Structures are given as C-alpha cells and as structure tokens.
Amino acid sequence: MAEVPTSHCELTRIAEYTCGLQQVRRCGDDDRIDRAFNAACKQIWGYTLDDFDDASLSAKDHAFLDNITWKQACQLAIENGYDLIDYCTGDVVTEWWGFTWMILAEKRGLLTPEGRAAAWKRYEAMLLAKTNVVGVICRAI
C-alpha cells in the first residue's frame, strides 16, 4: 500500500506538465489532444496509456475507474504521490480521468518495460487475428 506523502512538496503536481495539453484542449482536434496528453504522461512516467491495455487491469479496477469521481481521483492521486489540482485555475487538471488511469497503472506495477512489451504483444496478436491484416509494423519502444 502506498504511503501518503507527509507534505505537498513531495507530491508530483501533474498540472506542471499539462501546459501543452491545456493549449490544445480548446482546439477540438482529438489527435492533437491525445499527442499532448501522451507527451505529459511521457514526461511524468516515461509511459503512456498505449503502453498497457485493458487486459492489464482487473475487472475490479475497471469498475473503480468507470465510476470514479474527480474527488476520488484526487484522493487516489494524493495517496500515490500525485496532485491533480491545477492551482492556477483552482480546478482539477484537464484529462484528470486519463491521469488517474496512469496513476493506477503505476500502482499496479504495469509501467515497466516488461509490461509495455506484453501489452504491445497482445495488441499485435489481436491485429494479426483479423482477416484483413497481413503484418504489423512495430513501433520502436
């Protein structure tokens, strides 16, 4: 079980990494938003949501994430050394739900080179099982 940090100085403030995400959030271009979100995740964890898959989390975790409120997400974040509040706006950070997935993935030990390789292997197998796919070009990890 994660220890609760003893001071706010020990928390990683996710808002410090979301400037680019906030700038593109208003554009309405989902691809640009995804790239900015992934860039923030890469800076914080070195991984993105693409580096693990739904099969990596338990049904209990999925139920938890499907029903989580922003207040519960903030509590989970604090318990694991993160802060989801943007103190410039006074609101929770943009894309707080995605960041909550990342925090839970880290807590479950999924953000590792082995976890990433397993997730991409499952994804490749799923693609190759499709009748119209003859090969998969893997991205560099």
N, C-alpha and C. Protein backbone atom coordinates (compact mmCIF):
# COMPACT_ATOMS: atom_id res chain seq x y z
N MET A 1 0.85 -1.18 0.00
CA MET A 1 0.00 0.00 0.00
C MET A 1 0.89 1.24 0.00
N ALA A 2 0.54 2.21 -0.79
CA ALA A 2 1.34 3.42 -0.90
C ALA A 2 1.23 4.26 0.36
N GLU A 3 2.33 4.88 0.72
CA GLU A 3 2.32 5.78 1.86
C GLU A 3 1.85 7.15 1.41
N VAL A 4 1.11 7.83 2.27
CA VAL A 4 0.66 9.18 1.97
C VAL A 4 1.84 10.12 2.21
N PRO A 5 2.20 10.94 1.22
CA PRO A 5 3.30 11.87 1.41
C PRO A 5 3.02 12.79 2.60
N THR A 6 4.09 13.18 3.30
CA THR A 6 3.91 13.98 4.50
C THR A 6 3.76 15.47 4.22
N SER A 7 4.11 15.91 3.02
CA SER A 7 3.93 17.32 2.70
C SER A 7 3.61 17.48 1.23
N HIS A 8 3.06 18.63 0.88
CA HIS A 8 2.72 18.89 -0.51
C HIS A 8 3.96 18.98 -1.39
N CYS A 9 5.11 19.27 -0.81
CA CYS A 9 6.35 19.36 -1.58
C CYS A 9 6.72 18.01 -2.18
N GLU A 10 6.27 16.93 -1.56
CA GLU A 10 6.60 15.59 -2.03
C GLU A 10 5.68 15.10 -3.14
N LEU A 11 4.62 15.83 -3.42
CA LEU A 11 3.68 15.44 -4.47
C LEU A 11 4.16 15.90 -5.84
N THR A 12 3.98 15.05 -6.83
CA THR A 12 4.22 15.45 -8.21
C THR A 12 2.97 16.16 -8.68
N ARG A 13 3.10 17.42 -8.98
CA ARG A 13 1.95 18.21 -9.43
C ARG A 13 1.78 18.03 -10.93
N ILE A 14 0.78 17.29 -11.29
CA ILE A 14 0.54 16.96 -12.69
C ILE A 14 0.30 18.22 -13.52
N ALA A 15 -0.28 19.24 -12.93
CA ALA A 15 -0.55 20.49 -13.65
C ALA A 15 0.73 21.11 -14.21
N GLU A 16 1.86 20.83 -13.59
CA GLU A 16 3.13 21.38 -14.08
C GLU A 16 3.52 20.80 -15.44
N TYR A 17 2.87 19.72 -15.85
CA TYR A 17 3.19 19.03 -17.10
C TYR A 17 2.09 19.18 -18.15
N THR A 18 1.03 19.93 -17.84
CA THR A 18 -0.13 19.96 -18.74
C THR A 18 -0.30 21.25 -19.52
N CYS A 19 0.70 22.10 -19.55
CA CYS A 19 0.57 23.37 -20.27
C CYS A 19 0.23 23.13 -21.74
N GLY A 20 0.96 22.24 -22.39
CA GLY A 20 0.68 21.95 -23.80
C GLY A 20 -0.69 21.34 -24.00
N LEU A 21 -1.11 20.52 -23.06
CA LEU A 21 -2.43 19.89 -23.13
C LEU A 21 -3.54 20.94 -23.01
N GLN A 22 -3.37 21.87 -22.11
CA GLN A 22 -4.38 22.92 -21.95
C GLN A 22 -4.48 23.80 -23.19
N GLN A 23 -3.35 24.03 -23.84
CA GLN A 23 -3.35 24.88 -25.04
C GLN A 23 -4.12 24.22 -26.18
N VAL A 24 -3.96 22.91 -26.37
CA VAL A 24 -4.64 22.25 -27.49
C VAL A 24 -6.04 21.76 -27.11
N ARG A 25 -6.35 21.73 -25.85
CA ARG A 25 -7.66 21.23 -25.39
C ARG A 25 -8.81 22.00 -26.05
N ARG A 26 -8.62 23.26 -26.26
CA ARG A 26 -9.67 24.10 -26.84
C ARG A 26 -9.81 23.95 -28.35
N CYS A 27 -8.83 23.30 -29.01
CA CYS A 27 -8.84 23.22 -30.48
C CYS A 27 -9.86 22.22 -31.01
N GLY A 28 -10.24 21.24 -30.20
CA GLY A 28 -11.21 20.26 -30.64
C GLY A 28 -10.64 19.16 -31.53
N ASP A 29 -9.34 19.15 -31.74
CA ASP A 29 -8.68 18.14 -32.56
C ASP A 29 -8.23 17.00 -31.64
N ASP A 30 -8.96 15.88 -31.69
CA ASP A 30 -8.67 14.77 -30.78
C ASP A 30 -7.25 14.23 -30.92
N ASP A 31 -6.72 14.20 -32.13
CA ASP A 31 -5.35 13.70 -32.33
C ASP A 31 -4.33 14.59 -31.63
N ARG A 32 -4.49 15.91 -31.75
CA ARG A 32 -3.58 16.84 -31.08
C ARG A 32 -3.71 16.73 -29.56
N ILE A 33 -4.94 16.57 -29.08
CA ILE A 33 -5.16 16.42 -27.65
C ILE A 33 -4.50 15.14 -27.15
N ASP A 34 -4.68 14.04 -27.88
CA ASP A 34 -4.04 12.78 -27.50
C ASP A 34 -2.52 12.90 -27.47
N ARG A 35 -1.95 13.56 -28.47
CA ARG A 35 -0.49 13.73 -28.50
C ARG A 35 -0.01 14.56 -27.32
N ALA A 36 -0.75 15.61 -26.97
CA ALA A 36 -0.36 16.45 -25.83
C ALA A 36 -0.51 15.69 -24.52
N PHE A 37 -1.59 14.90 -24.39
CA PHE A 37 -1.77 14.09 -23.19
C PHE A 37 -0.64 13.08 -23.08
N ASN A 38 -0.33 12.40 -24.18
CA ASN A 38 0.76 11.42 -24.16
C ASN A 38 2.10 12.07 -23.84
N ALA A 39 2.33 13.27 -24.34
CA ALA A 39 3.57 13.98 -24.04
C ALA A 39 3.68 14.26 -22.54
N ALA A 40 2.57 14.66 -21.92
CA ALA A 40 2.58 14.91 -20.47
C ALA A 40 2.86 13.61 -19.72
N CYS A 41 2.22 12.53 -20.13
CA CYS A 41 2.43 11.23 -19.47
C CYS A 41 3.88 10.78 -19.62
N LYS A 42 4.45 10.98 -20.81
CA LYS A 42 5.85 10.60 -21.04
C LYS A 42 6.78 11.38 -20.12
N GLN A 43 6.49 12.67 -19.92
CA GLN A 43 7.32 13.48 -19.02
C GLN A 43 7.21 13.00 -17.58
N ILE A 44 6.02 12.63 -17.16
CA ILE A 44 5.80 12.24 -15.77
C ILE A 44 6.27 10.82 -15.50
N TRP A 45 5.82 9.86 -16.33
CA TRP A 45 6.07 8.45 -16.06
C TRP A 45 7.04 7.78 -17.02
N GLY A 46 7.23 8.37 -18.19
CA GLY A 46 8.03 7.69 -19.22
C GLY A 46 7.19 6.69 -20.02
N TYR A 47 5.90 6.66 -19.77
CA TYR A 47 4.97 5.74 -20.42
C TYR A 47 3.69 6.50 -20.75
N THR A 48 2.84 5.88 -21.59
CA THR A 48 1.54 6.46 -21.92
C THR A 48 0.46 5.39 -21.73
N LEU A 49 -0.78 5.77 -21.94
CA LEU A 49 -1.88 4.81 -21.87
C LEU A 49 -1.71 3.70 -22.91
N ASP A 50 -0.99 3.96 -23.99
CA ASP A 50 -0.77 2.95 -25.03
C ASP A 50 0.18 1.85 -24.58
N ASP A 51 0.88 2.05 -23.46
CA ASP A 51 1.88 1.10 -23.01
C ASP A 51 1.33 0.03 -22.07
N PHE A 52 0.03 0.05 -21.83
CA PHE A 52 -0.64 -1.06 -21.18
C PHE A 52 -2.04 -1.12 -21.78
N ASP A 53 -2.73 -2.21 -21.57
CA ASP A 53 -4.05 -2.36 -22.19
C ASP A 53 -5.10 -2.72 -21.15
N ASP A 54 -6.34 -2.75 -21.60
CA ASP A 54 -7.45 -3.05 -20.69
C ASP A 54 -7.26 -4.37 -19.97
N ALA A 55 -6.67 -5.35 -20.67
CA ALA A 55 -6.46 -6.67 -20.07
C ALA A 55 -5.45 -6.62 -18.92
N SER A 56 -4.68 -5.56 -18.84
CA SER A 56 -3.68 -5.43 -17.79
C SER A 56 -4.30 -5.11 -16.43
N LEU A 57 -5.49 -4.55 -16.43
CA LEU A 57 -6.17 -4.18 -15.19
C LEU A 57 -7.30 -5.16 -14.90
N SER A 58 -7.55 -5.38 -13.63
CA SER A 58 -8.60 -6.31 -13.21
C SER A 58 -9.99 -5.72 -13.45
N ALA A 59 -10.99 -6.59 -13.40
CA ALA A 59 -12.39 -6.14 -13.53
C ALA A 59 -12.72 -5.16 -12.40
N LYS A 60 -12.17 -5.40 -11.22
CA LYS A 60 -12.40 -4.51 -10.07
C LYS A 60 -11.83 -3.12 -10.36
N ASP A 61 -10.64 -3.08 -10.96
CA ASP A 61 -10.03 -1.79 -11.31
C ASP A 61 -10.87 -1.06 -12.36
N HIS A 62 -11.37 -1.80 -13.34
CA HIS A 62 -12.21 -1.19 -14.38
C HIS A 62 -13.49 -0.61 -13.78
N ALA A 63 -14.10 -1.36 -12.88
CA ALA A 63 -15.33 -0.87 -12.23
C ALA A 63 -15.03 0.38 -11.42
N PHE A 64 -13.90 0.38 -10.74
CA PHE A 64 -13.48 1.54 -9.96
C PHE A 64 -13.29 2.75 -10.87
N LEU A 65 -12.56 2.58 -11.97
CA LEU A 65 -12.30 3.69 -12.89
C LEU A 65 -13.56 4.16 -13.61
N ASP A 66 -14.46 3.25 -13.91
CA ASP A 66 -15.70 3.62 -14.60
C ASP A 66 -16.60 4.49 -13.73
N ASN A 67 -16.47 4.37 -12.43
CA ASN A 67 -17.36 5.09 -11.51
C ASN A 67 -16.67 6.16 -10.68
N ILE A 68 -15.40 6.40 -10.94
CA ILE A 68 -14.64 7.34 -10.11
C ILE A 68 -15.09 8.78 -10.35
N THR A 69 -15.13 9.54 -9.28
CA THR A 69 -15.40 10.98 -9.38
C THR A 69 -14.07 11.71 -9.34
N TRP A 70 -14.09 12.98 -9.69
CA TRP A 70 -12.83 13.73 -9.66
C TRP A 70 -12.30 13.85 -8.23
N LYS A 71 -13.20 13.90 -7.26
CA LYS A 71 -12.75 13.97 -5.86
C LYS A 71 -12.06 12.68 -5.44
N GLN A 72 -12.61 11.54 -5.85
CA GLN A 72 -11.97 10.26 -5.54
C GLN A 72 -10.63 10.14 -6.27
N ALA A 73 -10.59 10.64 -7.50
CA ALA A 73 -9.36 10.61 -8.27
C ALA A 73 -8.27 11.43 -7.58
N CYS A 74 -8.67 12.59 -7.05
CA CYS A 74 -7.70 13.43 -6.34
C CYS A 74 -7.18 12.72 -5.10
N GLN A 75 -8.03 12.00 -4.40
CA GLN A 75 -7.61 11.26 -3.22
C GLN A 75 -6.65 10.13 -3.60
N LEU A 76 -6.99 9.38 -4.65
CA LEU A 76 -6.10 8.32 -5.14
C LEU A 76 -4.75 8.90 -5.51
N ALA A 77 -4.78 10.04 -6.19
CA ALA A 77 -3.53 10.69 -6.61
C ALA A 77 -2.68 11.03 -5.40
N ILE A 78 -3.26 11.67 -4.41
CA ILE A 78 -2.51 12.07 -3.22
C ILE A 78 -1.92 10.85 -2.52
N GLU A 79 -2.71 9.79 -2.40
CA GLU A 79 -2.24 8.56 -1.75
C GLU A 79 -1.05 7.95 -2.46
N ASN A 80 -0.89 8.29 -3.74
CA ASN A 80 0.19 7.72 -4.54
C ASN A 80 1.24 8.74 -4.97
N GLY A 81 1.23 9.91 -4.32
CA GLY A 81 2.29 10.89 -4.55
C GLY A 81 2.05 11.88 -5.67
N TYR A 82 0.80 12.06 -6.09
CA TYR A 82 0.48 12.98 -7.17
C TYR A 82 -0.58 13.97 -6.73
N ASP A 83 -0.66 15.06 -7.46
CA ASP A 83 -1.65 16.09 -7.19
C ASP A 83 -2.34 16.43 -8.51
N LEU A 84 -3.65 16.27 -8.56
CA LEU A 84 -4.42 16.52 -9.77
C LEU A 84 -5.03 17.92 -9.83
N ILE A 85 -4.73 18.76 -8.86
CA ILE A 85 -5.30 20.11 -8.84
C ILE A 85 -4.38 21.07 -9.57
N ASP A 86 -4.97 21.92 -10.40
CA ASP A 86 -4.25 23.00 -11.07
C ASP A 86 -4.48 24.25 -10.22
N TYR A 87 -3.47 24.67 -9.51
CA TYR A 87 -3.63 25.78 -8.57
C TYR A 87 -3.73 27.14 -9.27
N CYS A 88 -3.41 27.19 -10.56
CA CYS A 88 -3.61 28.43 -11.32
C CYS A 88 -5.09 28.66 -11.62
N THR A 89 -5.81 27.58 -11.89
CA THR A 89 -7.24 27.71 -12.22
C THR A 89 -8.14 27.37 -11.03
N GLY A 90 -7.60 26.63 -10.08
CA GLY A 90 -8.40 26.18 -8.95
C GLY A 90 -9.24 24.95 -9.27
N ASP A 91 -9.07 24.39 -10.45
CA ASP A 91 -9.83 23.22 -10.89
C ASP A 91 -8.93 21.99 -10.93
N VAL A 92 -9.57 20.85 -11.13
CA VAL A 92 -8.83 19.63 -11.37
C VAL A 92 -8.20 19.75 -12.77
N VAL A 93 -7.07 19.08 -12.99
CA VAL A 93 -6.38 19.20 -14.27
C VAL A 93 -7.23 18.66 -15.41
N THR A 94 -6.99 19.19 -16.59
CA THR A 94 -7.61 18.69 -17.80
C THR A 94 -7.22 17.22 -17.96
N GLU A 95 -8.16 16.41 -18.40
CA GLU A 95 -7.92 14.98 -18.63
C GLU A 95 -7.58 14.22 -17.34
N TRP A 96 -8.17 14.65 -16.21
CA TRP A 96 -7.87 14.02 -14.93
C TRP A 96 -8.16 12.53 -14.94
N TRP A 97 -9.16 12.09 -15.68
CA TRP A 97 -9.51 10.68 -15.70
C TRP A 97 -8.39 9.85 -16.33
N GLY A 98 -7.81 10.33 -17.41
CA GLY A 98 -6.69 9.63 -18.04
C GLY A 98 -5.48 9.57 -17.13
N PHE A 99 -5.21 10.67 -16.44
CA PHE A 99 -4.09 10.66 -15.50
C PHE A 99 -4.35 9.69 -14.34
N THR A 100 -5.62 9.53 -13.97
CA THR A 100 -5.97 8.57 -12.92
C THR A 100 -5.66 7.15 -13.39
N TRP A 101 -5.94 6.86 -14.66
CA TRP A 101 -5.57 5.55 -15.21
C TRP A 101 -4.06 5.33 -15.07
N MET A 102 -3.29 6.35 -15.39
CA MET A 102 -1.83 6.22 -15.31
C MET A 102 -1.38 5.99 -13.87
N ILE A 103 -1.97 6.71 -12.94
CA ILE A 103 -1.60 6.54 -11.52
C ILE A 103 -1.92 5.12 -11.07
N LEU A 104 -3.09 4.62 -11.45
CA LEU A 104 -3.46 3.26 -11.07
C LEU A 104 -2.55 2.23 -11.76
N ALA A 105 -2.22 2.46 -13.01
CA ALA A 105 -1.31 1.55 -13.72
C ALA A 105 0.04 1.50 -13.03
N GLU A 106 0.53 2.66 -12.60
CA GLU A 106 1.80 2.68 -11.87
C GLU A 106 1.67 1.92 -10.56
N LYS A 107 0.58 2.15 -9.85
CA LYS A 107 0.33 1.47 -8.58
C LYS A 107 0.29 -0.04 -8.76
N ARG A 108 -0.24 -0.50 -9.87
CA ARG A 108 -0.35 -1.94 -10.16
C ARG A 108 0.94 -2.52 -10.75
N GLY A 109 1.95 -1.68 -10.96
CA GLY A 109 3.23 -2.16 -11.47
C GLY A 109 3.24 -2.42 -12.97
N LEU A 110 2.36 -1.77 -13.72
CA LEU A 110 2.26 -2.01 -15.15
C LEU A 110 3.22 -1.16 -15.98
N LEU A 111 3.75 -0.12 -15.40
CA LEU A 111 4.60 0.81 -16.17
C LEU A 111 6.05 0.36 -16.08
N THR A 112 6.31 -0.75 -16.76
CA THR A 112 7.65 -1.33 -16.82
C THR A 112 7.93 -1.71 -18.27
N PRO A 113 9.19 -1.89 -18.62
CA PRO A 113 9.48 -2.36 -19.98
C PRO A 113 8.81 -3.70 -20.28
N GLU A 114 8.76 -4.59 -19.29
CA GLU A 114 8.13 -5.89 -19.49
C GLU A 114 6.61 -5.75 -19.69
N GLY A 115 6.00 -4.88 -18.90
CA GLY A 115 4.57 -4.63 -19.04
C GLY A 115 4.24 -4.04 -20.39
N ARG A 116 5.06 -3.11 -20.82
CA ARG A 116 4.86 -2.48 -22.13
C ARG A 116 4.98 -3.52 -23.24
N ALA A 117 6.01 -4.35 -23.18
CA ALA A 117 6.22 -5.37 -24.21
C ALA A 117 5.05 -6.35 -24.25
N ALA A 118 4.55 -6.76 -23.09
CA ALA A 118 3.42 -7.69 -23.04
C ALA A 118 2.16 -7.06 -23.64
N ALA A 119 1.92 -5.80 -23.32
CA ALA A 119 0.73 -5.11 -23.86
C ALA A 119 0.82 -5.01 -25.38
N TRP A 120 1.98 -4.63 -25.88
CA TRP A 120 2.13 -4.49 -27.34
C TRP A 120 2.07 -5.85 -28.02
N LYS A 121 2.55 -6.90 -27.36
CA LYS A 121 2.47 -8.25 -27.93
C LYS A 121 1.00 -8.68 -28.05
N ARG A 122 0.19 -8.40 -27.02
CA ARG A 122 -1.24 -8.72 -27.07
C ARG A 122 -1.93 -7.92 -28.18
N TYR A 123 -1.55 -6.65 -28.32
CA TYR A 123 -2.13 -5.81 -29.36
C TYR A 123 -1.77 -6.34 -30.75
N GLU A 124 -0.52 -6.72 -30.93
CA GLU A 124 -0.09 -7.27 -32.22
C GLU A 124 -0.85 -8.56 -32.53
N ALA A 125 -1.01 -9.43 -31.55
CA ALA A 125 -1.74 -10.69 -31.75
C ALA A 125 -3.19 -10.42 -32.15
N MET A 126 -3.80 -9.42 -31.51
CA MET A 126 -5.18 -9.06 -31.84
C MET A 126 -5.26 -8.58 -33.29
N LEU A 127 -4.30 -7.75 -33.72
CA LEU A 127 -4.31 -7.27 -35.10
C LEU A 127 -4.10 -8.41 -36.09
N LEU A 128 -3.16 -9.29 -35.79
CA LEU A 128 -2.86 -10.39 -36.70
C LEU A 128 -4.01 -11.39 -36.80
N ALA A 129 -4.88 -11.44 -35.81
CA ALA A 129 -6.03 -12.34 -35.84
C ALA A 129 -7.11 -11.86 -36.80
N LYS A 130 -7.03 -10.61 -37.22
CA LYS A 130 -8.02 -10.06 -38.16
C LYS A 130 -7.72 -10.58 -39.57
N THR A 131 -8.76 -10.85 -40.31
CA THR A 131 -8.57 -11.44 -41.64
C THR A 131 -7.95 -10.49 -42.65
N ASN A 132 -8.10 -9.20 -42.45
CA ASN A 132 -7.57 -8.26 -43.43
C ASN A 132 -6.19 -7.71 -43.06
N VAL A 133 -5.54 -8.27 -42.05
CA VAL A 133 -4.20 -7.83 -41.64
C VAL A 133 -3.20 -8.91 -42.00
N VAL A 134 -2.17 -8.53 -42.76
CA VAL A 134 -1.15 -9.49 -43.17
C VAL A 134 0.16 -9.31 -42.40
N GLY A 135 0.32 -8.18 -41.76
CA GLY A 135 1.54 -7.93 -41.00
C GLY A 135 1.37 -6.71 -40.13
N VAL A 136 2.25 -6.59 -39.17
CA VAL A 136 2.23 -5.47 -38.25
C VAL A 136 3.62 -4.87 -38.18
N ILE A 137 3.69 -3.57 -38.37
CA ILE A 137 4.97 -2.87 -38.23
C ILE A 137 5.02 -2.34 -36.80
N CYS A 138 5.96 -2.83 -36.04
CA CYS A 138 6.05 -2.44 -34.63
C CYS A 138 6.77 -1.11 -34.51
N ARG A 139 6.29 -0.31 -33.57
CA ARG A 139 6.97 0.96 -33.32
C ARG A 139 8.14 0.71 -32.38
N ALA A 140 9.09 1.59 -32.44
CA ALA A 140 10.25 1.47 -31.55
C ALA A 140 9.82 1.78 -30.13
N ILE A 141 10.25 0.98 -29.21
CA ILE A 141 9.89 1.18 -27.80
C ILE A 141 11.04 1.81 -27.07
